[in-house]
Amino acid sequence: DEPATIEAALEQGDEAAAAWDRVRELGETIETLRSELKSAWTAQRRAENELDRERVLLAWIREDNERLRADADDIIRERDEWQERFVALQRSAESPPVRLRPPSAGPNRAQRRREERERRRPT
């Protein structure tokens, strides 16, 4: 009187067969969920590794930013110093200019070399 297969028992409305079919379905669901959980853990590890790399990169960027800000402050300070010097030079422009080399000193090195090349050149 017993059905030969679970499918036949299910067709006849056997409660035990229905329960075993439900157990089978739950087993499949558990296996599917285990597989999804394993994939989720793998994705989580990848995300954590990527986050670690991003944190390292952020630290480098912050260090570079601090260095660049310090460089910019130095440049601004130097610009201000040059500005002060320029203003001082403009103020002193009213005084007579200072000659660095007397007019009788003759040509400078570049002028002497140019003259020497001119003399060596065939005409």
PDB file of N, CA and C in Angstrom:
ATOM      1  N   ASP A   1       0.804  -1.197   0.000  1.00  0.00           N
ATOM      2  CA  ASP A   1       0.000   0.000   0.000  1.00  0.00           C
ATOM      3  C   ASP A   1       0.854   1.271   0.000  1.00  0.00           C
ATOM      4  N   GLU A   2       2.124   1.135   0.327  1.00  0.00           N
ATOM      5  CA  GLU A   2       2.967   2.319   0.376  1.00  0.00           C
ATOM      6  C   GLU A   2       3.366   2.747  -1.028  1.00  0.00           C
ATOM      7  N   PRO A   3       3.401   4.081  -1.266  1.00  0.00           N
ATOM      8  CA  PRO A   3       3.816   4.580  -2.584  1.00  0.00           C
ATOM      9  C   PRO A   3       5.292   4.264  -2.823  1.00  0.00           C
ATOM     10  N   ALA A   4       5.656   4.069  -4.082  1.00  0.00           N
ATOM     11  CA  ALA A   4       7.025   3.700  -4.440  1.00  0.00           C
ATOM     12  C   ALA A   4       7.990   4.885  -4.352  1.00  0.00           C
ATOM     13  N   THR A   5       7.542   6.078  -4.569  1.00  0.00           N
ATOM     14  CA  THR A   5       8.435   7.244  -4.551  1.00  0.00           C
ATOM     15  C   THR A   5       7.802   8.360  -3.750  1.00  0.00           C
ATOM     16  N   ILE A   6       8.660   9.333  -3.400  1.00  0.00           N
ATOM     17  CA  ILE A   6       8.152  10.493  -2.656  1.00  0.00           C
ATOM     18  C   ILE A   6       7.152  11.253  -3.523  1.00  0.00           C
ATOM     19  N   GLU A   7       7.446  11.366  -4.827  1.00  0.00           N
ATOM     20  CA  GLU A   7       6.545  12.098  -5.714  1.00  0.00           C
ATOM     21  C   GLU A   7       5.156  11.444  -5.729  1.00  0.00           C
ATOM     22  N   ALA A   8       5.137  10.115  -5.786  1.00  0.00           N
ATOM     23  CA  ALA A   8       3.848   9.412  -5.779  1.00  0.00           C
ATOM     24  C   ALA A   8       3.138   9.621  -4.459  1.00  0.00           C
ATOM     25  N   ALA A   9       3.892   9.583  -3.347  1.00  0.00           N
ATOM     26  CA  ALA A   9       3.295   9.793  -2.030  1.00  0.00           C
ATOM     27  C   ALA A   9       2.739  11.201  -1.927  1.00  0.00           C
ATOM     28  N   LEU A  10       3.466  12.189  -2.498  1.00  0.00           N
ATOM     29  CA  LEU A  10       2.990  13.567  -2.455  1.00  0.00           C
ATOM     30  C   LEU A  10       1.687  13.718  -3.240  1.00  0.00           C
ATOM     31  N   GLU A  11       1.626  12.998  -4.359  1.00  0.00           N
ATOM     32  CA  GLU A  11       0.413  13.077  -5.166  1.00  0.00           C
ATOM     33  C   GLU A  11      -0.775  12.486  -4.419  1.00  0.00           C
ATOM     34  N   GLN A  12      -0.509  11.515  -3.580  1.00  0.00           N
ATOM     35  CA  GLN A  12      -1.580  10.865  -2.835  1.00  0.00           C
ATOM     36  C   GLN A  12      -1.855  11.596  -1.525  1.00  0.00           C
ATOM     37  N   GLY A  13      -1.065  12.610  -1.200  1.00  0.00           N
ATOM     38  CA  GLY A  13      -1.320  13.419  -0.010  1.00  0.00           C
ATOM     39  C   GLY A  13      -0.721  12.862   1.251  1.00  0.00           C
ATOM     40  N   ASP A  14       0.319  12.036   1.162  1.00  0.00           N
ATOM     41  CA  ASP A  14       0.965  11.437   2.334  1.00  0.00           C
ATOM     42  C   ASP A  14       1.673  12.529   3.127  1.00  0.00           C
ATOM     43  N   GLU A  15       1.328  12.698   4.394  1.00  0.00           N
ATOM     44  CA  GLU A  15       1.911  13.752   5.232  1.00  0.00           C
ATOM     45  C   GLU A  15       3.393  13.529   5.501  1.00  0.00           C
ATOM     46  N   ALA A  16       3.801  12.320   5.712  1.00  0.00           N
ATOM     47  CA  ALA A  16       5.208  12.027   5.974  1.00  0.00           C
ATOM     48  C   ALA A  16       6.047  12.371   4.751  1.00  0.00           C
ATOM     49  N   ALA A  17       5.518  12.042   3.572  1.00  0.00           N
ATOM     50  CA  ALA A  17       6.243  12.371   2.353  1.00  0.00           C
ATOM     51  C   ALA A  17       6.340  13.879   2.184  1.00  0.00           C
ATOM     52  N   ALA A  18       5.269  14.579   2.528  1.00  0.00           N
ATOM     53  CA  ALA A  18       5.281  16.047   2.447  1.00  0.00           C
ATOM     54  C   ALA A  18       6.323  16.618   3.407  1.00  0.00           C
ATOM     55  N   ALA A  19       6.427  16.024   4.590  1.00  0.00           N
ATOM     56  CA  ALA A  19       7.404  16.487   5.566  1.00  0.00           C
ATOM     57  C   ALA A  19       8.815  16.241   5.047  1.00  0.00           C
ATOM     58  N   TRP A  20       9.091  15.066   4.482  1.00  0.00           N
ATOM     59  CA  TRP A  20      10.406  14.769   3.929  1.00  0.00           C
ATOM     60  C   TRP A  20      10.736  15.684   2.745  1.00  0.00           C
ATOM     61  N   ASP A  21       9.736  16.003   1.964  1.00  0.00           N
ATOM     62  CA  ASP A  21       9.967  16.932   0.842  1.00  0.00           C
ATOM     63  C   ASP A  21      10.340  18.314   1.376  1.00  0.00           C
ATOM     64  N   ARG A  22       9.677  18.705   2.462  1.00  0.00           N
ATOM     65  CA  ARG A  22       9.983  20.004   3.071  1.00  0.00           C
ATOM     66  C   ARG A  22      11.407  19.998   3.639  1.00  0.00           C
ATOM     67  N   VAL A  23      11.818  18.879   4.254  1.00  0.00           N
ATOM     68  CA  VAL A  23      13.181  18.744   4.780  1.00  0.00           C
ATOM     69  C   VAL A  23      14.186  18.872   3.641  1.00  0.00           C
ATOM     70  N   ARG A  24      13.912  18.241   2.506  1.00  0.00           N
ATOM     71  CA  ARG A  24      14.791  18.323   1.343  1.00  0.00           C
ATOM     72  C   ARG A  24      14.902  19.772   0.858  1.00  0.00           C
ATOM     73  N   GLU A  25      13.767  20.453   0.772  1.00  0.00           N
ATOM     74  CA  GLU A  25      13.765  21.863   0.335  1.00  0.00           C
ATOM     75  C   GLU A  25      14.575  22.730   1.295  1.00  0.00           C
ATOM     76  N   LEU A  26      14.382  22.476   2.611  1.00  0.00           N
ATOM     77  CA  LEU A  26      15.134  23.248   3.607  1.00  0.00           C
ATOM     78  C   LEU A  26      16.632  22.966   3.499  1.00  0.00           C
ATOM     79  N   GLY A  27      16.991  21.718   3.226  1.00  0.00           N
ATOM     80  CA  GLY A  27      18.402  21.364   3.028  1.00  0.00           C
ATOM     81  C   GLY A  27      18.988  22.113   1.844  1.00  0.00           C
ATOM     82  N   GLU A  28      18.251  22.180   0.746  1.00  0.00           N
ATOM     83  CA  GLU A  28      18.707  22.927  -0.429  1.00  0.00           C
ATOM     84  C   GLU A  28      18.849  24.410  -0.103  1.00  0.00           C
ATOM     85  N   THR A  29      17.874  24.925   0.666  1.00  0.00           N
ATOM     86  CA  THR A  29      17.928  26.336   1.061  1.00  0.00           C
ATOM     87  C   THR A  29      19.152  26.602   1.926  1.00  0.00           C
ATOM     88  N   ILE A  30      19.428  25.684   2.856  1.00  0.00           N
ATOM     89  CA  ILE A  30      20.604  25.845   3.721  1.00  0.00           C
ATOM     90  C   ILE A  30      21.882  25.841   2.888  1.00  0.00           C
ATOM     91  N   GLU A  31      21.997  24.931   1.942  1.00  0.00           N
ATOM     92  CA  GLU A  31      23.187  24.881   1.088  1.00  0.00           C
ATOM     93  C   GLU A  31      23.331  26.168   0.269  1.00  0.00           C
ATOM     94  N   THR A  32      22.222  26.663  -0.257  1.00  0.00           N
ATOM     95  CA  THR A  32      22.253  27.922  -1.013  1.00  0.00           C
ATOM     96  C   THR A  32      22.708  29.071  -0.120  1.00  0.00           C
ATOM     97  N   LEU A  33      22.152  29.130   1.088  1.00  0.00           N
ATOM     98  CA  LEU A  33      22.525  30.200   2.017  1.00  0.00           C
ATOM     99  C   LEU A  33      23.987  30.087   2.451  1.00  0.00           C
ATOM    100  N   ARG A  34      24.475  28.855   2.658  1.00  0.00           N
ATOM    101  CA  ARG A  34      25.892  28.672   3.001  1.00  0.00           C
ATOM    102  C   ARG A  34      26.788  29.200   1.877  1.00  0.00           C
ATOM    103  N   SER A  35      26.426  28.898   0.651  1.00  0.00           N
ATOM    104  CA  SER A  35      27.198  29.366  -0.500  1.00  0.00           C
ATOM    105  C   SER A  35      27.169  30.893  -0.575  1.00  0.00           C
ATOM    106  N   GLU A  36      25.989  31.477  -0.365  1.00  0.00           N
ATOM    107  CA  GLU A  36      25.876  32.945  -0.397  1.00  0.00           C
ATOM    108  C   GLU A  36      26.671  33.573   0.742  1.00  0.00           C
ATOM    109  N   LEU A  37      26.645  32.920   1.932  1.00  0.00           N
ATOM    110  CA  LEU A  37      27.392  33.428   3.074  1.00  0.00           C
ATOM    111  C   LEU A  37      28.893  33.392   2.788  1.00  0.00           C
ATOM    112  N   LYS A  38      29.367  32.305   2.178  1.00  0.00           N
ATOM    113  CA  LYS A  38      30.780  32.201   1.825  1.00  0.00           C
ATOM    114  C   LYS A  38      31.157  33.302   0.839  1.00  0.00           C
ATOM    115  N   SER A  39      30.298  33.547  -0.142  1.00  0.00           N
ATOM    116  CA  SER A  39      30.556  34.634  -1.104  1.00  0.00           C
ATOM    117  C   SER A  39      30.563  35.988  -0.410  1.00  0.00           C
ATOM    118  N   ALA A  40      29.648  36.168   0.546  1.00  0.00           N
ATOM    119  CA  ALA A  40      29.590  37.443   1.281  1.00  0.00           C
ATOM    120  C   ALA A  40      30.861  37.645   2.102  1.00  0.00           C
ATOM    121  N   TRP A  41      31.361  36.579   2.746  1.00  0.00           N
ATOM    122  CA  TRP A  41      32.603  36.697   3.508  1.00  0.00           C
ATOM    123  C   TRP A  41      33.769  37.047   2.603  1.00  0.00           C
ATOM    124  N   THR A  42      33.813  36.435   1.431  1.00  0.00           N
ATOM    125  CA  THR A  42      34.878  36.743   0.473  1.00  0.00           C
ATOM    126  C   THR A  42      34.789  38.208   0.045  1.00  0.00           C
ATOM    127  N   ALA A  43      33.578  38.656  -0.247  1.00  0.00           N
ATOM    128  CA  ALA A  43      33.391  40.060  -0.651  1.00  0.00           C
ATOM    129  C   ALA A  43      33.766  40.999   0.487  1.00  0.00           C
ATOM    130  N   GLN A  44      33.443  40.595   1.723  1.00  0.00           N
ATOM    131  CA  GLN A  44      33.790  41.425   2.876  1.00  0.00           C
ATOM    132  C   GLN A  44      35.311  41.530   3.015  1.00  0.00           C
ATOM    133  N   ARG A  45      36.027  40.409   2.856  1.00  0.00           N
ATOM    134  CA  ARG A  45      37.497  40.446   2.942  1.00  0.00           C
ATOM    135  C   ARG A  45      38.081  41.348   1.857  1.00  0.00           C
ATOM    136  N   ARG A  46      37.536  41.239   0.651  1.00  0.00           N
ATOM    137  CA  ARG A  46      38.010  42.121  -0.434  1.00  0.00           C
ATOM    138  C   ARG A  46      37.765  43.577  -0.092  1.00  0.00           C
ATOM    139  N   ALA A  47      36.570  43.862   0.426  1.00  0.00           N
ATOM    140  CA  ALA A  47      36.231  45.251   0.775  1.00  0.00           C
ATOM    141  C   ALA A  47      37.136  45.764   1.893  1.00  0.00           C
ATOM    142  N   GLU A  48      37.420  44.907   2.893  1.00  0.00           N
ATOM    143  CA  GLU A  48      38.316  45.319   3.976  1.00  0.00           C
ATOM    144  C   GLU A  48      39.723  45.588   3.455  1.00  0.00           C
ATOM    145  N   ASN A  49      40.198  44.734   2.550  1.00  0.00           N
ATOM    146  CA  ASN A  49      41.524  44.955   1.955  1.00  0.00           C
ATOM    147  C   ASN A  49      41.553  46.253   1.162  1.00  0.00           C
ATOM    148  N   GLU A  50      40.510  46.504   0.399  1.00  0.00           N
ATOM    149  CA  GLU A  50      40.432  47.747  -0.375  1.00  0.00           C
ATOM    150  C   GLU A  50      40.376  48.953   0.559  1.00  0.00           C
ATOM    151  N   LEU A  51      39.616  48.825   1.651  1.00  0.00           N
ATOM    152  CA  LEU A  51      39.545  49.908   2.632  1.00  0.00           C
ATOM    153  C   LEU A  51      40.914  50.174   3.248  1.00  0.00           C
ATOM    154  N   ASP A  52      41.650  49.105   3.554  1.00  0.00           N
ATOM    155  CA  ASP A  52      43.006  49.281   4.095  1.00  0.00           C
ATOM    156  C   ASP A  52      43.891  50.024   3.095  1.00  0.00           C
ATOM    157  N   ARG A  53      43.807  49.637   1.808  1.00  0.00           N
ATOM    158  CA  ARG A  53      44.609  50.331   0.786  1.00  0.00           C
ATOM    159  C   ARG A  53      44.200  51.804   0.690  1.00  0.00           C
ATOM    160  N   GLU A  54      42.906  52.066   0.758  1.00  0.00           N
ATOM    161  CA  GLU A  54      42.420  53.450   0.685  1.00  0.00           C
ATOM    162  C   GLU A  54      42.898  54.255   1.893  1.00  0.00           C
ATOM    163  N   ARG A  55      42.949  53.626   3.061  1.00  0.00           N
ATOM    164  CA  ARG A  55      43.425  54.327   4.261  1.00  0.00           C
ATOM    165  C   ARG A  55      44.906  54.683   4.123  1.00  0.00           C
ATOM    166  N   VAL A  56      45.694  53.756   3.583  1.00  0.00           N
ATOM    167  CA  VAL A  56      47.116  54.037   3.361  1.00  0.00           C
ATOM    168  C   VAL A  56      47.262  55.197   2.376  1.00  0.00           C
ATOM    169  N   LEU A  57      46.493  55.134   1.286  1.00  0.00           N
ATOM    170  CA  LEU A  57      46.543  56.202   0.289  1.00  0.00           C
ATOM    171  C   LEU A  57      46.136  57.539   0.904  1.00  0.00           C
ATOM    172  N   LEU A  58      45.097  57.521   1.732  1.00  0.00           N
ATOM    173  CA  LEU A  58      44.652  58.750   2.384  1.00  0.00           C
ATOM    174  C   LEU A  58      45.750  59.309   3.289  1.00  0.00           C
ATOM    175  N   ALA A  59      46.452  58.426   3.986  1.00  0.00           N
ATOM    176  CA  ALA A  59      47.547  58.894   4.849  1.00  0.00           C
ATOM    177  C   ALA A  59      48.632  59.563   4.014  1.00  0.00           C
ATOM    178  N   TRP A  60      48.964  58.950   2.863  1.00  0.00           N
ATOM    179  CA  TRP A  60      49.968  59.565   1.979  1.00  0.00           C
ATOM    180  C   TRP A  60      49.492  60.920   1.479  1.00  0.00           C
ATOM    181  N   ILE A  61      48.229  60.980   1.095  1.00  0.00           N
ATOM    182  CA  ILE A  61      47.683  62.246   0.587  1.00  0.00           C
ATOM    183  C   ILE A  61      47.730  63.307   1.683  1.00  0.00           C
ATOM    184  N   ARG A  62      47.373  62.924   2.904  1.00  0.00           N
ATOM    185  CA  ARG A  62      47.418  63.892   4.012  1.00  0.00           C
ATOM    186  C   ARG A  62      48.841  64.390   4.254  1.00  0.00           C
ATOM    187  N   GLU A  63      49.815  63.462   4.214  1.00  0.00           N
ATOM    188  CA  GLU A  63      51.213  63.874   4.399  1.00  0.00           C
ATOM    189  C   GLU A  63      51.649  64.824   3.289  1.00  0.00           C
ATOM    190  N   ASP A  64      51.306  64.483   2.047  1.00  0.00           N
ATOM    191  CA  ASP A  64      51.652  65.360   0.927  1.00  0.00           C
ATOM    192  C   ASP A  64      50.967  66.711   1.067  1.00  0.00           C
ATOM    193  N   ASN A  65      49.734  66.694   1.509  1.00  0.00           N
ATOM    194  CA  ASN A  65      48.992  67.943   1.681  1.00  0.00           C
ATOM    195  C   ASN A  65      49.666  68.824   2.730  1.00  0.00           C
ATOM    196  N   GLU A  66      50.076  68.215   3.849  1.00  0.00           N
ATOM    197  CA  GLU A  66      50.766  68.987   4.889  1.00  0.00           C
ATOM    198  C   GLU A  66      52.071  69.570   4.352  1.00  0.00           C
ATOM    199  N   ARG A  67      52.824  68.743   3.599  1.00  0.00           N
ATOM    200  CA  ARG A  67      54.097  69.214   3.029  1.00  0.00           C
ATOM    201  C   ARG A  67      53.841  70.363   2.051  1.00  0.00           C
ATOM    202  N   LEU A  68      52.830  70.211   1.199  1.00  0.00           N
ATOM    203  CA  LEU A  68      52.529  71.259   0.218  1.00  0.00           C
ATOM    204  C   LEU A  68      52.063  72.538   0.895  1.00  0.00           C
ATOM    205  N   ARG A  69      51.271  72.401   1.946  1.00  0.00           N
ATOM    206  CA  ARG A  69      50.854  73.601   2.689  1.00  0.00           C
ATOM    207  C   ARG A  69      52.065  74.302   3.313  1.00  0.00           C
ATOM    208  N   ALA A  70      52.982  73.516   3.853  1.00  0.00           N
ATOM    209  CA  ALA A  70      54.203  74.116   4.427  1.00  0.00           C
ATOM    210  C   ALA A  70      55.014  74.796   3.324  1.00  0.00           C
ATOM    211  N   ASP A  71      55.125  74.134   2.169  1.00  0.00           N
ATOM    212  CA  ASP A  71      55.837  74.750   1.040  1.00  0.00           C
ATOM    213  C   ASP A  71      55.157  76.040   0.611  1.00  0.00           C
ATOM    214  N   ALA A  72      53.834  76.017   0.547  1.00  0.00           N
ATOM    215  CA  ALA A  72      53.092  77.220   0.151  1.00  0.00           C
ATOM    216  C   ALA A  72      53.323  78.340   1.164  1.00  0.00           C
ATOM    217  N   ASP A  73      53.330  78.003   2.457  1.00  0.00           N
ATOM    218  CA  ASP A  73      53.599  79.024   3.483  1.00  0.00           C
ATOM    219  C   ASP A  73      54.997  79.604   3.307  1.00  0.00           C
ATOM    220  N   ASP A  74      55.972  78.726   3.016  1.00  0.00           N
ATOM    221  CA  ASP A  74      57.340  79.211   2.784  1.00  0.00           C
ATOM    222  C   ASP A  74      57.398  80.140   1.574  1.00  0.00           C
ATOM    223  N   ILE A  75      56.716  79.767   0.512  1.00  0.00           N
ATOM    224  CA  ILE A  75      56.706  80.582  -0.713  1.00  0.00           C
ATOM    225  C   ILE A  75      56.048  81.929  -0.445  1.00  0.00           C
ATOM    226  N   ILE A  76      54.951  81.915   0.289  1.00  0.00           N
ATOM    227  CA  ILE A  76      54.265  83.175   0.615  1.00  0.00           C
ATOM    228  C   ILE A  76      55.177  84.058   1.468  1.00  0.00           C
ATOM    229  N   ARG A  77      55.862  83.441   2.445  1.00  0.00           N
ATOM    230  CA  ARG A  77      56.771  84.203   3.298  1.00  0.00           C
ATOM    231  C   ARG A  77      57.912  84.798   2.457  1.00  0.00           C
ATOM    232  N   GLU A  78      58.463  83.987   1.547  1.00  0.00           N
ATOM    233  CA  GLU A  78      59.540  84.467   0.688  1.00  0.00           C
ATOM    234  C   GLU A  78      59.044  85.581  -0.239  1.00  0.00           C
ATOM    235  N   ARG A  79      57.829  85.406  -0.783  1.00  0.00           N
ATOM    236  CA  ARG A  79      57.254  86.445  -1.630  1.00  0.00           C
ATOM    237  C   ARG A  79      57.117  87.757  -0.865  1.00  0.00           C
ATOM    238  N   ASP A  80      56.662  87.660   0.380  1.00  0.00           N
ATOM    239  CA  ASP A  80      56.504  88.865   1.199  1.00  0.00           C
ATOM    240  C   ASP A  80      57.852  89.534   1.458  1.00  0.00           C
ATOM    241  N   GLU A  81      58.875  88.710   1.688  1.00  0.00           N
ATOM    242  CA  GLU A  81      60.211  89.277   1.893  1.00  0.00           C
ATOM    243  C   GLU A  81      60.688  90.003   0.638  1.00  0.00           C
ATOM    244  N   TRP A  82      60.490  89.370  -0.517  1.00  0.00           N
ATOM    245  CA  TRP A  82      60.885  90.016  -1.778  1.00  0.00           C
ATOM    246  C   TRP A  82      60.067  91.283  -2.016  1.00  0.00           C
ATOM    247  N   GLN A  83      58.816  91.243  -1.657  1.00  0.00           N
ATOM    248  CA  GLN A  83      57.960  92.427  -1.801  1.00  0.00           C
ATOM    249  C   GLN A  83      58.511  93.572  -0.961  1.00  0.00           C
ATOM    250  N   GLU A  84      58.911  93.251   0.278  1.00  0.00           N
ATOM    251  CA  GLU A  84      59.482  94.279   1.151  1.00  0.00           C
ATOM    252  C   GLU A  84      60.782  94.835   0.564  1.00  0.00           C
ATOM    253  N   ARG A  85      61.605  93.945   0.029  1.00  0.00           N
ATOM    254  CA  ARG A  85      62.856  94.393  -0.599  1.00  0.00           C
ATOM    255  C   ARG A  85      62.569  95.295  -1.802  1.00  0.00           C
ATOM    256  N   PHE A  86      61.588  94.906  -2.603  1.00  0.00           N
ATOM    257  CA  PHE A  86      61.229  95.697  -3.772  1.00  0.00           C
ATOM    258  C   PHE A  86      60.767  97.093  -3.363  1.00  0.00           C
ATOM    259  N   VAL A  87      59.926  97.138  -2.356  1.00  0.00           N
ATOM    260  CA  VAL A  87      59.441  98.441  -1.872  1.00  0.00           C
ATOM    261  C   VAL A  87      60.616  99.266  -1.365  1.00  0.00           C
ATOM    262  N   ALA A  88      61.530  98.622  -0.650  1.00  0.00           N
ATOM    263  CA  ALA A  88      62.698  99.348  -0.146  1.00  0.00           C
ATOM    264  C   ALA A  88      63.551  99.859  -1.302  1.00  0.00           C
ATOM    265  N   LEU A  89      63.691  99.046  -2.360  1.00  0.00           N
ATOM    266  CA  LEU A  89      64.460  99.486  -3.525  1.00  0.00           C
ATOM    267  C   LEU A  89      63.776 100.655  -4.227  1.00  0.00           C
ATOM    268  N   GLN A  90      62.451 100.586  -4.316  1.00  0.00           N
ATOM    269  CA  GLN A  90      61.731 101.694  -4.942  1.00  0.00           C
ATOM    270  C   GLN A  90      61.950 102.973  -4.149  1.00  0.00           C
ATOM    271  N   ARG A  91      61.955 102.867  -2.850  1.00  0.00           N
ATOM    272  CA  ARG A  91      62.167 104.047  -2.011  1.00  0.00           C
ATOM    273  C   ARG A  91      63.593 104.580  -2.168  1.00  0.00           C
ATOM    274  N   SER A  92      64.528 103.667  -2.331  1.00  0.00           N
ATOM    275  CA  SER A  92      65.926 104.112  -2.449  1.00  0.00           C
ATOM    276  C   SER A  92      66.264 104.538  -3.879  1.00  0.00           C
ATOM    277  N   ALA A  93      65.345 104.375  -4.811  1.00  0.00           N
ATOM    278  CA  ALA A  93      65.602 104.747  -6.206  1.00  0.00           C
ATOM    279  C   ALA A  93      65.823 106.244  -6.341  1.00  0.00           C
ATOM    280  N   GLU A  94      65.369 106.985  -5.380  1.00  0.00           N
ATOM    281  CA  GLU A  94      65.565 108.429  -5.441  1.00  0.00           C
ATOM    282  C   GLU A  94      67.016 108.800  -5.169  1.00  0.00           C
ATOM    283  N   SER A  95      67.767 107.920  -4.526  1.00  0.00           N
ATOM    284  CA  SER A  95      69.185 108.191  -4.287  1.00  0.00           C
ATOM    285  C   SER A  95      69.970 107.827  -5.539  1.00  0.00           C
ATOM    286  N   PRO A  96      71.177 108.340  -5.710  1.00  0.00           N
ATOM    287  CA  PRO A  96      71.942 108.063  -6.922  1.00  0.00           C
ATOM    288  C   PRO A  96      72.254 106.567  -7.045  1.00  0.00           C
ATOM    289  N   PRO A  97      72.258 106.058  -8.265  1.00  0.00           N
ATOM    290  CA  PRO A  97      72.528 104.631  -8.454  1.00  0.00           C
ATOM    291  C   PRO A  97      73.966 104.287  -8.089  1.00  0.00           C
ATOM    292  N   VAL A  98      74.156 103.084  -7.658  1.00  0.00           N
ATOM    293  CA  VAL A  98      75.491 102.614  -7.284  1.00  0.00           C
ATOM    294  C   VAL A  98      76.031 101.826  -8.466  1.00  0.00           C
ATOM    295  N   ARG A  99      77.240 102.200  -8.914  1.00  0.00           N
ATOM    296  CA  ARG A  99      77.862 101.476 -10.029  1.00  0.00           C
ATOM    297  C   ARG A  99      78.630 100.297  -9.459  1.00  0.00           C
ATOM    298  N   LEU A 100      78.361  99.161 -10.038  1.00  0.00           N
ATOM    299  CA  LEU A 100      79.037  97.968  -9.554  1.00  0.00           C
ATOM    300  C   LEU A 100      80.434  97.842 -10.138  1.00  0.00           C
ATOM    301  N   ARG A 101      80.603  98.373 -11.334  1.00  0.00           N
ATOM    302  CA  ARG A 101      81.922  98.265 -11.942  1.00  0.00           C
ATOM    303  C   ARG A 101      82.191  99.588 -12.658  1.00  0.00           C
ATOM    304  N   PRO A 102      83.359 100.093 -12.534  1.00  0.00           N
ATOM    305  CA  PRO A 102      83.650 101.386 -13.154  1.00  0.00           C
ATOM    306  C   PRO A 102      83.642 101.260 -14.669  1.00  0.00           C
ATOM    307  N   PRO A 103      83.269 102.324 -15.360  1.00  0.00           N
ATOM    308  CA  PRO A 103      83.195 102.265 -16.812  1.00  0.00           C
ATOM    309  C   PRO A 103      84.547 101.965 -17.451  1.00  0.00           C
ATOM    310  N   SER A 104      85.645 102.220 -16.777  1.00  0.00           N
ATOM    311  CA  SER A 104      86.965 101.995 -17.363  1.00  0.00           C
ATOM    312  C   SER A 104      87.422 100.549 -17.219  1.00  0.00           C
ATOM    313  N   ALA A 105      86.612  99.686 -16.623  1.00  0.00           N
ATOM    314  CA  ALA A 105      87.022  98.304 -16.389  1.00  0.00           C
ATOM    315  C   ALA A 105      87.078  97.497 -17.669  1.00  0.00           C
ATOM    316  N   GLY A 106      86.509  97.964 -18.745  1.00  0.00           N
ATOM    317  CA  GLY A 106      86.561  97.247 -20.013  1.00  0.00           C
ATOM    318  C   GLY A 106      85.420  96.243 -20.153  1.00  0.00           C
ATOM    319  N   PRO A 107      85.491  95.453 -21.211  1.00  0.00           N
ATOM    320  CA  PRO A 107      84.385  94.509 -21.468  1.00  0.00           C
ATOM    321  C   PRO A 107      84.378  93.368 -20.450  1.00  0.00           C
ATOM    322  N   ASN A 108      83.178  92.826 -20.249  1.00  0.00           N
ATOM    323  CA  ASN A 108      83.090  91.684 -19.333  1.00  0.00           C
ATOM    324  C   ASN A 108      83.491  90.411 -20.073  1.00  0.00           C
ATOM    325  N   ARG A 109      83.495  89.292 -19.396  1.00  0.00           N
ATOM    326  CA  ARG A 109      83.976  88.027 -19.970  1.00  0.00           C
ATOM    327  C   ARG A 109      83.210  87.633 -21.226  1.00  0.00           C
ATOM    328  N   ALA A 110      81.882  87.754 -21.199  1.00  0.00           N
ATOM    329  CA  ALA A 110      81.072  87.382 -22.363  1.00  0.00           C
ATOM    330  C   ALA A 110      81.408  88.273 -23.557  1.00  0.00           C
ATOM    331  N   GLN A 111      81.598  89.544 -23.282  1.00  0.00           N
ATOM    332  CA  GLN A 111      81.948  90.461 -24.374  1.00  0.00           C
ATOM    333  C   GLN A 111      83.332  90.134 -24.924  1.00  0.00           C
ATOM    334  N   ARG A 112      84.277  89.787 -24.063  1.00  0.00           N
ATOM    335  CA  ARG A 112      85.623  89.436 -24.533  1.00  0.00           C
ATOM    336  C   ARG A 112      85.578  88.174 -25.389  1.00  0.00           C
ATOM    337  N   ARG A 113      84.829  87.179 -24.986  1.00  0.00           N
ATOM    338  CA  ARG A 113      84.717  85.933 -25.768  1.00  0.00           C
ATOM    339  C   ARG A 113      84.086  86.198 -27.126  1.00  0.00           C
ATOM    340  N   ARG A 114      83.049  87.027 -27.144  1.00  0.00           N
ATOM    341  CA  ARG A 114      82.403  87.369 -28.412  1.00  0.00           C
ATOM    342  C   ARG A 114      83.387  88.072 -29.341  1.00  0.00           C
ATOM    343  N   GLU A 115      84.147  89.005 -28.804  1.00  0.00           N
ATOM    344  CA  GLU A 115      85.147  89.710 -29.609  1.00  0.00           C
ATOM    345  C   GLU A 115      86.215  88.749 -30.124  1.00  0.00           C
ATOM    346  N   GLU A 116      86.632  87.794 -29.283  1.00  0.00           N
ATOM    347  CA  GLU A 116      87.632  86.815 -29.697  1.00  0.00           C
ATOM    348  C   GLU A 116      87.096  85.959 -30.840  1.00  0.00           C
ATOM    349  N   ARG A 117      85.853  85.512 -30.783  1.00  0.00           N
ATOM    350  CA  ARG A 117      85.258  84.720 -31.866  1.00  0.00           C
ATOM    351  C   ARG A 117      85.173  85.536 -33.145  1.00  0.00           C
ATOM    352  N   GLU A 118      84.847  86.796 -32.999  1.00  0.00           N
ATOM    353  CA  GLU A 118      84.768  87.681 -34.177  1.00  0.00           C
ATOM    354  C   GLU A 118      86.138  87.787 -34.853  1.00  0.00           C
ATOM    355  N   ARG A 119      87.194  87.889 -34.087  1.00  0.00           N
ATOM    356  CA  ARG A 119      88.540  88.014 -34.655  1.00  0.00           C
ATOM    357  C   ARG A 119      88.965  86.727 -35.342  1.00  0.00           C
ATOM    358  N   ARG A 120      88.546  85.585 -34.839  1.00  0.00           N
ATOM    359  CA  ARG A 120      88.937  84.312 -35.428  1.00  0.00           C
ATOM    360  C   ARG A 120      88.159  83.990 -36.699  1.00  0.00           C
ATOM    361  N   ARG A 121      87.031  84.565 -36.873  1.00  0.00           N
ATOM    362  CA  ARG A 121      86.181  84.280 -38.011  1.00  0.00           C
ATOM    363  C   ARG A 121      86.821  84.798 -39.295  1.00  0.00           C
ATOM    364  N   PRO A 122      86.858  83.944 -40.336  1.00  0.00           N
ATOM    365  CA  PRO A 122      87.418  84.451 -41.620  1.00  0.00           C
ATOM    366  C   PRO A 122      86.436  85.449 -42.257  1.00  0.00           C
ATOM    367  N   THR A 123      86.981  86.413 -42.920  1.00  0.00           N
ATOM    368  CA  THR A 123      86.127  87.444 -43.543  1.00  0.00           C
ATOM    369  C   THR A 123      85.974  87.214 -45.027  1.00  0.00           C
TER     370      THR A 123
END
